[in-house]
Amino acid sequence: MNSLNYQPKEDWMEGEGGAQWHLADPEATTEWGRAWAPYLESGLVLTFSGDLGAGKTALIRGILRGLGVTGTIRSPTYALLEIYELSRLYCYHFDFYRINSPESLEDSGFRECFRSDSLCLVEWPEKVSTWLPPADVALMLEPAAGAGRLLQVRHTSVHGMKCLEPLLATSLPR
């Protein structure tokens, strides 16, 4: 992780801690997710924002690999939800890109996925922001000046801060 160019960024979300990384390519994006995965716990809600092709699915694929998923990892763009039952938690991967109205989810049963024994990974949270519980960690991917992408991460809860602390401590350039 030392090669990922960590930069602390405490002021990009007033009152909440954050950091950013420059990720050189899709492989670095996937590796960042894989490195973070061991620190993730049940009860967390993680949101992933950014334009199409920004790397949200690559980042989530890395997280899922780091959590022990060995089979095919599909983006739930059409299905809206992929479920992964792991030994230590349930993982729900949502992709709300195709949702035009959060009200259409009201009776879907998706709210039942957001519970203390699950990890929820949510792509396109802005499409359903009135429907979602608050995120513990919000991640934003965008093109970086020059090449690669910029990953901005902010925690919005104590639980979110706890899962980021080990990664911040081990990622500082030496």
N, C-alpha and C. Protein backbone atom coordinates (compact mmCIF):
# COMPACT_ATOMS: atom_id res chain seq x y z
N MET A 1 0.81 -1.20 0.00
CA MET A 1 0.00 0.00 0.00
C MET A 1 0.86 1.26 0.00
N ASN A 2 2.13 1.19 0.33
CA ASN A 2 2.96 2.39 0.38
C ASN A 2 3.04 3.08 -0.98
N SER A 3 2.90 2.35 -2.07
CA SER A 3 3.03 2.94 -3.39
C SER A 3 1.76 3.65 -3.86
N LEU A 4 0.73 3.70 -3.03
CA LEU A 4 -0.53 4.28 -3.45
C LEU A 4 -0.64 5.78 -3.19
N ASN A 5 0.44 6.40 -2.73
CA ASN A 5 0.49 7.85 -2.58
C ASN A 5 -0.60 8.37 -1.65
N TYR A 6 -0.57 7.96 -0.41
CA TYR A 6 -1.52 8.40 0.61
C TYR A 6 -1.32 9.87 0.95
N GLN A 7 -2.41 10.59 1.11
CA GLN A 7 -2.36 11.97 1.58
C GLN A 7 -3.48 12.16 2.59
N PRO A 8 -3.17 12.56 3.84
CA PRO A 8 -4.25 12.87 4.77
C PRO A 8 -5.02 14.08 4.26
N LYS A 9 -6.29 14.09 4.45
CA LYS A 9 -7.13 15.19 3.97
C LYS A 9 -8.24 15.40 4.98
N GLU A 10 -7.97 16.17 6.00
CA GLU A 10 -8.90 16.35 7.10
C GLU A 10 -9.98 17.39 6.82
N ASP A 11 -9.81 18.22 5.81
CA ASP A 11 -10.72 19.35 5.64
C ASP A 11 -11.71 19.20 4.49
N TRP A 12 -11.72 18.12 3.77
CA TRP A 12 -12.59 18.04 2.59
C TRP A 12 -14.04 17.78 2.96
N MET A 13 -14.31 17.40 4.20
CA MET A 13 -15.69 17.28 4.68
C MET A 13 -15.68 17.84 6.08
N GLU A 14 -16.15 19.03 6.24
CA GLU A 14 -16.05 19.73 7.52
C GLU A 14 -16.62 18.88 8.65
N GLY A 15 -15.83 18.73 9.71
CA GLY A 15 -16.27 18.00 10.89
C GLY A 15 -16.12 16.49 10.77
N GLU A 16 -15.64 16.00 9.65
CA GLU A 16 -15.50 14.56 9.47
C GLU A 16 -14.13 14.26 8.89
N GLY A 17 -13.54 13.15 9.30
CA GLY A 17 -12.21 12.82 8.85
C GLY A 17 -12.21 12.21 7.47
N GLY A 18 -11.15 12.47 6.75
CA GLY A 18 -11.05 11.93 5.41
C GLY A 18 -9.61 11.78 4.99
N ALA A 19 -9.42 11.10 3.89
CA ALA A 19 -8.11 10.91 3.30
C ALA A 19 -8.30 10.70 1.81
N GLN A 20 -7.22 10.83 1.06
CA GLN A 20 -7.31 10.54 -0.36
C GLN A 20 -6.07 9.80 -0.82
N TRP A 21 -6.24 9.02 -1.87
CA TRP A 21 -5.17 8.26 -2.47
C TRP A 21 -5.20 8.47 -3.97
N HIS A 22 -4.02 8.49 -4.58
CA HIS A 22 -3.94 8.43 -6.02
C HIS A 22 -3.74 6.97 -6.39
N LEU A 23 -4.62 6.45 -7.23
CA LEU A 23 -4.56 5.06 -7.67
C LEU A 23 -4.18 5.06 -9.14
N ALA A 24 -3.06 4.46 -9.47
CA ALA A 24 -2.48 4.57 -10.80
C ALA A 24 -3.30 3.91 -11.90
N ASP A 25 -4.00 2.81 -11.57
CA ASP A 25 -4.70 2.04 -12.60
C ASP A 25 -5.74 1.14 -11.94
N PRO A 26 -6.52 0.40 -12.75
CA PRO A 26 -7.55 -0.48 -12.17
C PRO A 26 -6.97 -1.51 -11.20
N GLU A 27 -5.78 -2.00 -11.47
CA GLU A 27 -5.17 -2.99 -10.57
C GLU A 27 -4.88 -2.37 -9.21
N ALA A 28 -4.40 -1.13 -9.18
CA ALA A 28 -4.15 -0.45 -7.91
C ALA A 28 -5.45 -0.21 -7.16
N THR A 29 -6.52 0.06 -7.90
CA THR A 29 -7.83 0.27 -7.29
C THR A 29 -8.31 -1.01 -6.63
N THR A 30 -8.20 -2.13 -7.34
CA THR A 30 -8.59 -3.42 -6.79
C THR A 30 -7.72 -3.77 -5.58
N GLU A 31 -6.43 -3.51 -5.67
CA GLU A 31 -5.52 -3.83 -4.56
C GLU A 31 -5.83 -3.00 -3.33
N TRP A 32 -6.21 -1.73 -3.50
CA TRP A 32 -6.58 -0.90 -2.36
C TRP A 32 -7.76 -1.53 -1.64
N GLY A 33 -8.77 -1.96 -2.39
CA GLY A 33 -9.93 -2.62 -1.78
C GLY A 33 -9.54 -3.89 -1.05
N ARG A 34 -8.69 -4.69 -1.67
CA ARG A 34 -8.24 -5.95 -1.05
C ARG A 34 -7.50 -5.66 0.26
N ALA A 35 -6.66 -4.63 0.28
CA ALA A 35 -5.90 -4.29 1.49
C ALA A 35 -6.81 -3.78 2.61
N TRP A 36 -7.90 -3.14 2.26
CA TRP A 36 -8.82 -2.58 3.27
C TRP A 36 -9.75 -3.64 3.84
N ALA A 37 -10.06 -4.65 3.08
CA ALA A 37 -11.07 -5.65 3.44
C ALA A 37 -10.90 -6.27 4.83
N PRO A 38 -9.71 -6.62 5.29
CA PRO A 38 -9.60 -7.26 6.60
C PRO A 38 -10.08 -6.38 7.76
N TYR A 39 -10.18 -5.08 7.54
CA TYR A 39 -10.58 -4.16 8.61
C TYR A 39 -12.09 -3.89 8.61
N LEU A 40 -12.79 -4.42 7.64
CA LEU A 40 -14.24 -4.19 7.55
C LEU A 40 -14.98 -5.17 8.44
N GLU A 41 -16.03 -4.67 9.06
CA GLU A 41 -16.81 -5.47 10.00
C GLU A 41 -18.28 -5.41 9.66
N SER A 42 -19.03 -6.30 10.25
CA SER A 42 -20.47 -6.26 10.07
C SER A 42 -21.03 -4.98 10.68
N GLY A 43 -22.15 -4.56 10.14
CA GLY A 43 -22.81 -3.35 10.60
C GLY A 43 -22.43 -2.09 9.84
N LEU A 44 -21.45 -2.19 8.96
CA LEU A 44 -21.00 -1.03 8.20
C LEU A 44 -21.82 -0.82 6.93
N VAL A 45 -22.04 0.45 6.60
CA VAL A 45 -22.61 0.83 5.31
C VAL A 45 -21.55 1.67 4.62
N LEU A 46 -21.10 1.20 3.44
CA LEU A 46 -20.10 1.90 2.65
C LEU A 46 -20.74 2.36 1.35
N THR A 47 -20.56 3.62 1.00
CA THR A 47 -21.11 4.12 -0.25
C THR A 47 -19.98 4.45 -1.21
N PHE A 48 -20.22 4.21 -2.50
CA PHE A 48 -19.23 4.38 -3.56
C PHE A 48 -19.83 5.28 -4.63
N SER A 49 -19.24 6.46 -4.81
CA SER A 49 -19.73 7.42 -5.79
C SER A 49 -18.67 7.69 -6.84
N GLY A 50 -19.12 8.16 -7.99
CA GLY A 50 -18.22 8.50 -9.09
C GLY A 50 -18.93 8.21 -10.40
N ASP A 51 -18.41 8.79 -11.46
CA ASP A 51 -19.02 8.61 -12.78
C ASP A 51 -18.88 7.17 -13.27
N LEU A 52 -19.57 6.85 -14.34
CA LEU A 52 -19.41 5.55 -14.99
C LEU A 52 -17.94 5.34 -15.33
N GLY A 53 -17.42 4.16 -15.05
CA GLY A 53 -16.04 3.86 -15.37
C GLY A 53 -15.01 4.42 -14.40
N ALA A 54 -15.46 5.01 -13.30
CA ALA A 54 -14.53 5.62 -12.35
C ALA A 54 -13.76 4.59 -11.53
N GLY A 55 -14.26 3.36 -11.44
CA GLY A 55 -13.56 2.32 -10.69
C GLY A 55 -14.30 1.80 -9.48
N LYS A 56 -15.57 2.14 -9.33
CA LYS A 56 -16.34 1.69 -8.16
C LYS A 56 -16.40 0.17 -8.08
N THR A 57 -16.72 -0.47 -9.19
CA THR A 57 -16.83 -1.93 -9.20
C THR A 57 -15.46 -2.58 -8.99
N ALA A 58 -14.40 -2.02 -9.56
CA ALA A 58 -13.05 -2.56 -9.34
C ALA A 58 -12.68 -2.49 -7.87
N LEU A 59 -13.03 -1.39 -7.23
CA LEU A 59 -12.75 -1.24 -5.80
C LEU A 59 -13.53 -2.26 -4.98
N ILE A 60 -14.80 -2.42 -5.30
CA ILE A 60 -15.63 -3.40 -4.58
C ILE A 60 -15.15 -4.82 -4.86
N ARG A 61 -14.74 -5.09 -6.08
CA ARG A 61 -14.20 -6.42 -6.40
C ARG A 61 -12.99 -6.72 -5.51
N GLY A 62 -12.13 -5.74 -5.31
CA GLY A 62 -10.98 -5.93 -4.42
C GLY A 62 -11.40 -6.20 -2.99
N ILE A 63 -12.40 -5.46 -2.51
CA ILE A 63 -12.91 -5.69 -1.16
C ILE A 63 -13.43 -7.11 -1.03
N LEU A 64 -14.24 -7.53 -1.99
CA LEU A 64 -14.81 -8.87 -1.93
C LEU A 64 -13.74 -9.95 -2.00
N ARG A 65 -12.72 -9.77 -2.84
CA ARG A 65 -11.61 -10.73 -2.88
C ARG A 65 -10.90 -10.76 -1.53
N GLY A 66 -10.69 -9.60 -0.94
CA GLY A 66 -10.04 -9.52 0.36
C GLY A 66 -10.85 -10.15 1.48
N LEU A 67 -12.17 -10.19 1.28
CA LEU A 67 -13.04 -10.84 2.27
C LEU A 67 -13.13 -12.35 2.05
N GLY A 68 -12.56 -12.84 0.96
CA GLY A 68 -12.54 -14.28 0.72
C GLY A 68 -13.43 -14.78 -0.39
N VAL A 69 -14.07 -13.91 -1.15
CA VAL A 69 -14.90 -14.36 -2.27
C VAL A 69 -13.98 -14.86 -3.37
N THR A 70 -14.17 -16.11 -3.80
CA THR A 70 -13.30 -16.71 -4.80
C THR A 70 -14.00 -16.89 -6.14
N GLY A 71 -15.29 -16.93 -6.15
CA GLY A 71 -16.03 -17.15 -7.39
C GLY A 71 -16.18 -15.88 -8.20
N THR A 72 -17.06 -15.94 -9.17
CA THR A 72 -17.34 -14.80 -10.03
C THR A 72 -17.94 -13.66 -9.21
N ILE A 73 -17.46 -12.47 -9.46
CA ILE A 73 -18.01 -11.28 -8.82
C ILE A 73 -18.68 -10.46 -9.91
N ARG A 74 -19.98 -10.37 -9.85
CA ARG A 74 -20.75 -9.65 -10.85
C ARG A 74 -21.15 -8.27 -10.33
N SER A 75 -21.21 -7.32 -11.23
CA SER A 75 -21.78 -6.03 -10.87
C SER A 75 -23.29 -6.18 -10.93
N PRO A 76 -23.99 -5.79 -9.88
CA PRO A 76 -25.45 -5.97 -9.86
C PRO A 76 -26.21 -4.84 -10.57
N THR A 77 -25.68 -4.35 -11.68
CA THR A 77 -26.32 -3.24 -12.38
C THR A 77 -27.75 -3.56 -12.77
N TYR A 78 -28.02 -4.75 -13.24
CA TYR A 78 -29.38 -5.10 -13.64
C TYR A 78 -30.15 -5.76 -12.52
N ALA A 79 -29.49 -6.55 -11.71
CA ALA A 79 -30.16 -7.26 -10.62
C ALA A 79 -30.37 -6.37 -9.39
N LEU A 80 -29.64 -5.29 -9.29
CA LEU A 80 -29.64 -4.34 -8.17
C LEU A 80 -28.90 -4.85 -6.95
N LEU A 81 -28.81 -6.16 -6.75
CA LEU A 81 -28.21 -6.69 -5.53
C LEU A 81 -27.53 -8.03 -5.79
N GLU A 82 -26.32 -8.16 -5.29
CA GLU A 82 -25.61 -9.44 -5.22
C GLU A 82 -25.36 -9.72 -3.74
N ILE A 83 -25.58 -10.96 -3.33
CA ILE A 83 -25.43 -11.35 -1.94
C ILE A 83 -24.26 -12.32 -1.82
N TYR A 84 -23.40 -12.07 -0.83
CA TYR A 84 -22.26 -12.94 -0.55
C TYR A 84 -22.34 -13.35 0.91
N GLU A 85 -22.49 -14.63 1.15
CA GLU A 85 -22.50 -15.15 2.53
C GLU A 85 -21.10 -15.60 2.86
N LEU A 86 -20.44 -14.85 3.73
CA LEU A 86 -19.08 -15.15 4.11
C LEU A 86 -19.07 -15.71 5.53
N SER A 87 -17.98 -16.31 5.91
CA SER A 87 -17.93 -16.96 7.22
C SER A 87 -18.17 -16.00 8.37
N ARG A 88 -17.73 -14.75 8.24
CA ARG A 88 -17.87 -13.82 9.37
C ARG A 88 -18.96 -12.77 9.19
N LEU A 89 -19.58 -12.70 8.01
CA LEU A 89 -20.63 -11.71 7.82
C LEU A 89 -21.39 -11.97 6.53
N TYR A 90 -22.53 -11.31 6.40
CA TYR A 90 -23.27 -11.27 5.15
C TYR A 90 -22.83 -10.00 4.44
N CYS A 91 -22.60 -10.07 3.15
CA CYS A 91 -22.20 -8.90 2.38
C CYS A 91 -23.22 -8.68 1.28
N TYR A 92 -23.75 -7.47 1.22
CA TYR A 92 -24.73 -7.09 0.21
C TYR A 92 -24.12 -6.00 -0.67
N HIS A 93 -24.04 -6.27 -1.97
CA HIS A 93 -23.50 -5.32 -2.94
C HIS A 93 -24.65 -4.79 -3.78
N PHE A 94 -24.96 -3.52 -3.58
CA PHE A 94 -26.05 -2.85 -4.30
C PHE A 94 -25.47 -1.98 -5.41
N ASP A 95 -26.18 -1.91 -6.54
CA ASP A 95 -25.84 -0.98 -7.60
C ASP A 95 -27.15 -0.32 -8.03
N PHE A 96 -27.31 0.95 -7.68
CA PHE A 96 -28.57 1.65 -7.93
C PHE A 96 -28.51 2.56 -9.16
N TYR A 97 -27.60 2.28 -10.08
CA TYR A 97 -27.46 3.11 -11.27
C TYR A 97 -28.77 3.23 -12.05
N ARG A 98 -29.49 2.16 -12.18
CA ARG A 98 -30.71 2.14 -13.01
C ARG A 98 -31.96 2.60 -12.27
N ILE A 99 -31.84 2.98 -11.03
CA ILE A 99 -33.01 3.43 -10.26
C ILE A 99 -33.31 4.89 -10.59
N ASN A 100 -34.54 5.17 -10.95
CA ASN A 100 -34.94 6.55 -11.25
C ASN A 100 -35.73 7.17 -10.12
N SER A 101 -36.28 6.33 -9.24
CA SER A 101 -37.09 6.84 -8.15
C SER A 101 -36.84 5.99 -6.91
N PRO A 102 -36.30 6.59 -5.83
CA PRO A 102 -36.07 5.79 -4.62
C PRO A 102 -37.36 5.23 -4.04
N GLU A 103 -38.48 5.87 -4.33
CA GLU A 103 -39.77 5.38 -3.83
C GLU A 103 -40.09 3.98 -4.39
N SER A 104 -39.52 3.66 -5.56
CA SER A 104 -39.78 2.34 -6.15
C SER A 104 -39.17 1.22 -5.30
N LEU A 105 -38.26 1.56 -4.40
CA LEU A 105 -37.63 0.56 -3.53
C LEU A 105 -38.38 0.37 -2.21
N GLU A 106 -39.32 1.23 -1.93
CA GLU A 106 -39.97 1.24 -0.63
C GLU A 106 -40.48 -0.13 -0.18
N ASP A 107 -41.09 -0.87 -1.06
CA ASP A 107 -41.65 -2.17 -0.70
C ASP A 107 -40.80 -3.35 -1.17
N SER A 108 -39.56 -3.09 -1.53
CA SER A 108 -38.72 -4.13 -2.12
C SER A 108 -38.12 -5.10 -1.11
N GLY A 109 -38.04 -4.70 0.14
CA GLY A 109 -37.39 -5.53 1.15
C GLY A 109 -35.91 -5.26 1.30
N PHE A 110 -35.34 -4.36 0.49
CA PHE A 110 -33.92 -4.06 0.57
C PHE A 110 -33.51 -3.49 1.92
N ARG A 111 -34.38 -2.77 2.57
CA ARG A 111 -34.04 -2.18 3.87
C ARG A 111 -33.64 -3.24 4.88
N GLU A 112 -34.18 -4.44 4.72
CA GLU A 112 -33.86 -5.52 5.65
C GLU A 112 -32.40 -5.96 5.56
N CYS A 113 -31.71 -5.59 4.50
CA CYS A 113 -30.30 -5.94 4.34
C CYS A 113 -29.39 -5.09 5.23
N PHE A 114 -29.84 -3.92 5.61
CA PHE A 114 -29.04 -2.99 6.40
C PHE A 114 -29.24 -3.31 7.88
N ARG A 115 -28.42 -4.23 8.38
CA ARG A 115 -28.57 -4.69 9.76
C ARG A 115 -27.20 -4.93 10.38
N SER A 116 -27.17 -5.26 11.63
CA SER A 116 -25.91 -5.34 12.38
C SER A 116 -25.02 -6.51 11.98
N ASP A 117 -25.56 -7.52 11.33
CA ASP A 117 -24.72 -8.66 10.93
C ASP A 117 -24.36 -8.63 9.45
N SER A 118 -24.49 -7.46 8.81
CA SER A 118 -24.20 -7.37 7.39
C SER A 118 -23.26 -6.21 7.09
N LEU A 119 -22.57 -6.35 5.98
CA LEU A 119 -21.75 -5.29 5.41
C LEU A 119 -22.44 -4.90 4.11
N CYS A 120 -22.79 -3.63 3.96
CA CYS A 120 -23.50 -3.17 2.77
C CYS A 120 -22.59 -2.26 1.95
N LEU A 121 -22.39 -2.63 0.68
CA LEU A 121 -21.58 -1.89 -0.27
C LEU A 121 -22.54 -1.30 -1.30
N VAL A 122 -22.63 0.01 -1.37
CA VAL A 122 -23.67 0.67 -2.16
C VAL A 122 -23.06 1.55 -3.24
N GLU A 123 -23.23 1.15 -4.51
CA GLU A 123 -22.84 1.99 -5.64
C GLU A 123 -24.01 2.90 -6.01
N TRP A 124 -23.70 4.11 -6.41
CA TRP A 124 -24.68 5.12 -6.81
C TRP A 124 -25.64 5.48 -5.67
N PRO A 125 -25.12 5.79 -4.48
CA PRO A 125 -25.99 6.10 -3.34
C PRO A 125 -26.82 7.37 -3.56
N GLU A 126 -26.31 8.28 -4.38
CA GLU A 126 -27.04 9.53 -4.62
C GLU A 126 -28.38 9.31 -5.30
N LYS A 127 -28.53 8.17 -5.97
CA LYS A 127 -29.81 7.86 -6.64
C LYS A 127 -30.90 7.51 -5.64
N VAL A 128 -30.51 7.07 -4.44
CA VAL A 128 -31.49 6.61 -3.44
C VAL A 128 -31.20 7.20 -2.06
N SER A 129 -30.63 8.39 -2.04
CA SER A 129 -30.15 8.96 -0.77
C SER A 129 -31.24 9.10 0.29
N THR A 130 -32.47 9.35 -0.11
CA THR A 130 -33.53 9.48 0.89
C THR A 130 -33.94 8.14 1.46
N TRP A 131 -33.56 7.06 0.81
CA TRP A 131 -33.96 5.72 1.20
C TRP A 131 -32.90 5.03 2.05
N LEU A 132 -31.64 5.41 1.87
CA LEU A 132 -30.53 4.72 2.54
C LEU A 132 -30.34 5.16 3.98
N PRO A 133 -29.85 4.24 4.82
CA PRO A 133 -29.37 4.68 6.14
C PRO A 133 -28.08 5.47 5.94
N PRO A 134 -27.64 6.21 6.93
CA PRO A 134 -26.39 6.98 6.78
C PRO A 134 -25.20 6.05 6.53
N ALA A 135 -24.29 6.52 5.70
CA ALA A 135 -23.07 5.75 5.43
C ALA A 135 -22.11 5.90 6.60
N ASP A 136 -21.38 4.83 6.89
CA ASP A 136 -20.30 4.89 7.87
C ASP A 136 -19.02 5.39 7.21
N VAL A 137 -18.84 5.00 5.94
CA VAL A 137 -17.71 5.45 5.14
C VAL A 137 -18.23 5.76 3.74
N ALA A 138 -17.89 6.95 3.24
CA ALA A 138 -18.25 7.35 1.88
C ALA A 138 -16.98 7.42 1.05
N LEU A 139 -17.02 6.80 -0.11
CA LEU A 139 -15.87 6.78 -1.01
C LEU A 139 -16.26 7.42 -2.33
N MET A 140 -15.39 8.26 -2.87
CA MET A 140 -15.62 8.94 -4.14
C MET A 140 -14.42 8.71 -5.03
N LEU A 141 -14.67 8.22 -6.24
CA LEU A 141 -13.61 8.01 -7.22
C LEU A 141 -13.82 8.99 -8.37
N GLU A 142 -12.71 9.60 -8.82
CA GLU A 142 -12.78 10.51 -9.96
C GLU A 142 -11.45 10.49 -10.69
N PRO A 143 -11.45 10.87 -11.96
CA PRO A 143 -10.18 10.90 -12.69
C PRO A 143 -9.19 11.84 -12.01
N ALA A 144 -7.95 11.42 -11.98
CA ALA A 144 -6.89 12.25 -11.41
C ALA A 144 -6.26 13.08 -12.51
N ALA A 145 -5.71 14.20 -12.14
CA ALA A 145 -4.99 15.03 -13.10
C ALA A 145 -3.82 14.20 -13.65
N GLY A 146 -3.71 14.12 -14.93
CA GLY A 146 -2.65 13.34 -15.54
C GLY A 146 -3.11 11.94 -15.88
N ALA A 147 -3.11 11.05 -14.90
CA ALA A 147 -3.50 9.67 -15.15
C ALA A 147 -4.01 9.05 -13.86
N GLY A 148 -4.68 7.94 -13.99
CA GLY A 148 -5.18 7.22 -12.83
C GLY A 148 -6.45 7.85 -12.28
N ARG A 149 -6.69 7.57 -11.02
CA ARG A 149 -7.89 8.11 -10.36
C ARG A 149 -7.56 8.54 -8.96
N LEU A 150 -8.39 9.43 -8.47
CA LEU A 150 -8.27 9.92 -7.10
C LEU A 150 -9.38 9.27 -6.29
N LEU A 151 -9.01 8.63 -5.21
CA LEU A 151 -9.97 8.03 -4.29
C LEU A 151 -10.02 8.91 -3.05
N GLN A 152 -11.19 9.46 -2.78
CA GLN A 152 -11.41 10.24 -1.57
C GLN A 152 -12.28 9.40 -0.65
N VAL A 153 -11.87 9.31 0.60
CA VAL A 153 -12.56 8.48 1.58
C VAL A 153 -12.83 9.34 2.81
N ARG A 154 -14.06 9.27 3.31
CA ARG A 154 -14.37 9.97 4.55
C ARG A 154 -15.21 9.07 5.45
N HIS A 155 -14.95 9.14 6.72
CA HIS A 155 -15.76 8.40 7.68
C HIS A 155 -16.79 9.35 8.26
N THR A 156 -17.95 8.83 8.54
CA THR A 156 -19.04 9.65 9.08
C THR A 156 -19.57 9.08 10.38
N SER A 157 -18.88 8.07 10.91
CA SER A 157 -19.28 7.47 12.19
C SER A 157 -18.03 6.96 12.90
N VAL A 158 -18.18 6.67 14.16
CA VAL A 158 -17.08 6.08 14.93
C VAL A 158 -16.73 4.71 14.35
N HIS A 159 -17.74 3.93 13.98
CA HIS A 159 -17.54 2.62 13.39
C HIS A 159 -16.75 2.75 12.08
N GLY A 160 -17.09 3.75 11.28
CA GLY A 160 -16.37 3.99 10.04
C GLY A 160 -14.92 4.41 10.28
N MET A 161 -14.70 5.27 11.26
CA MET A 161 -13.35 5.71 11.60
C MET A 161 -12.51 4.51 12.05
N LYS A 162 -13.11 3.63 12.83
CA LYS A 162 -12.39 2.47 13.36
C LYS A 162 -11.87 1.57 12.24
N CYS A 163 -12.66 1.38 11.19
CA CYS A 163 -12.22 0.49 10.11
C CYS A 163 -11.19 1.16 9.20
N LEU A 164 -11.10 2.48 9.21
CA LEU A 164 -10.11 3.18 8.39
C LEU A 164 -8.78 3.36 9.09
N GLU A 165 -8.77 3.47 10.41
CA GLU A 165 -7.55 3.76 11.15
C GLU A 165 -6.38 2.83 10.83
N PRO A 166 -6.57 1.51 10.79
CA PRO A 166 -5.42 0.64 10.48
C PRO A 166 -4.87 0.88 9.08
N LEU A 167 -5.74 1.15 8.14
CA LEU A 167 -5.29 1.39 6.77
C LEU A 167 -4.51 2.70 6.68
N LEU A 168 -4.98 3.72 7.36
CA LEU A 168 -4.26 4.99 7.37
C LEU A 168 -2.89 4.84 8.01
N ALA A 169 -2.82 4.10 9.10
CA ALA A 169 -1.55 3.92 9.81
C ALA A 169 -0.54 3.12 8.99
N THR A 170 -1.00 2.15 8.21
CA THR A 170 -0.07 1.30 7.46
C THR A 170 0.23 1.86 6.09
N SER A 171 -0.52 2.86 5.64
CA SER A 171 -0.34 3.36 4.28
C SER A 171 0.54 4.60 4.19
N LEU A 172 0.96 5.15 5.30
CA LEU A 172 1.75 6.36 5.24
C LEU A 172 3.10 6.09 4.56
N PRO A 173 3.49 6.96 3.65
CA PRO A 173 4.79 6.77 3.00
C PRO A 173 5.92 6.84 4.02
N ARG A 174 6.92 6.05 3.83
CA ARG A 174 8.06 6.00 4.76
C ARG A 174 9.23 6.75 4.21
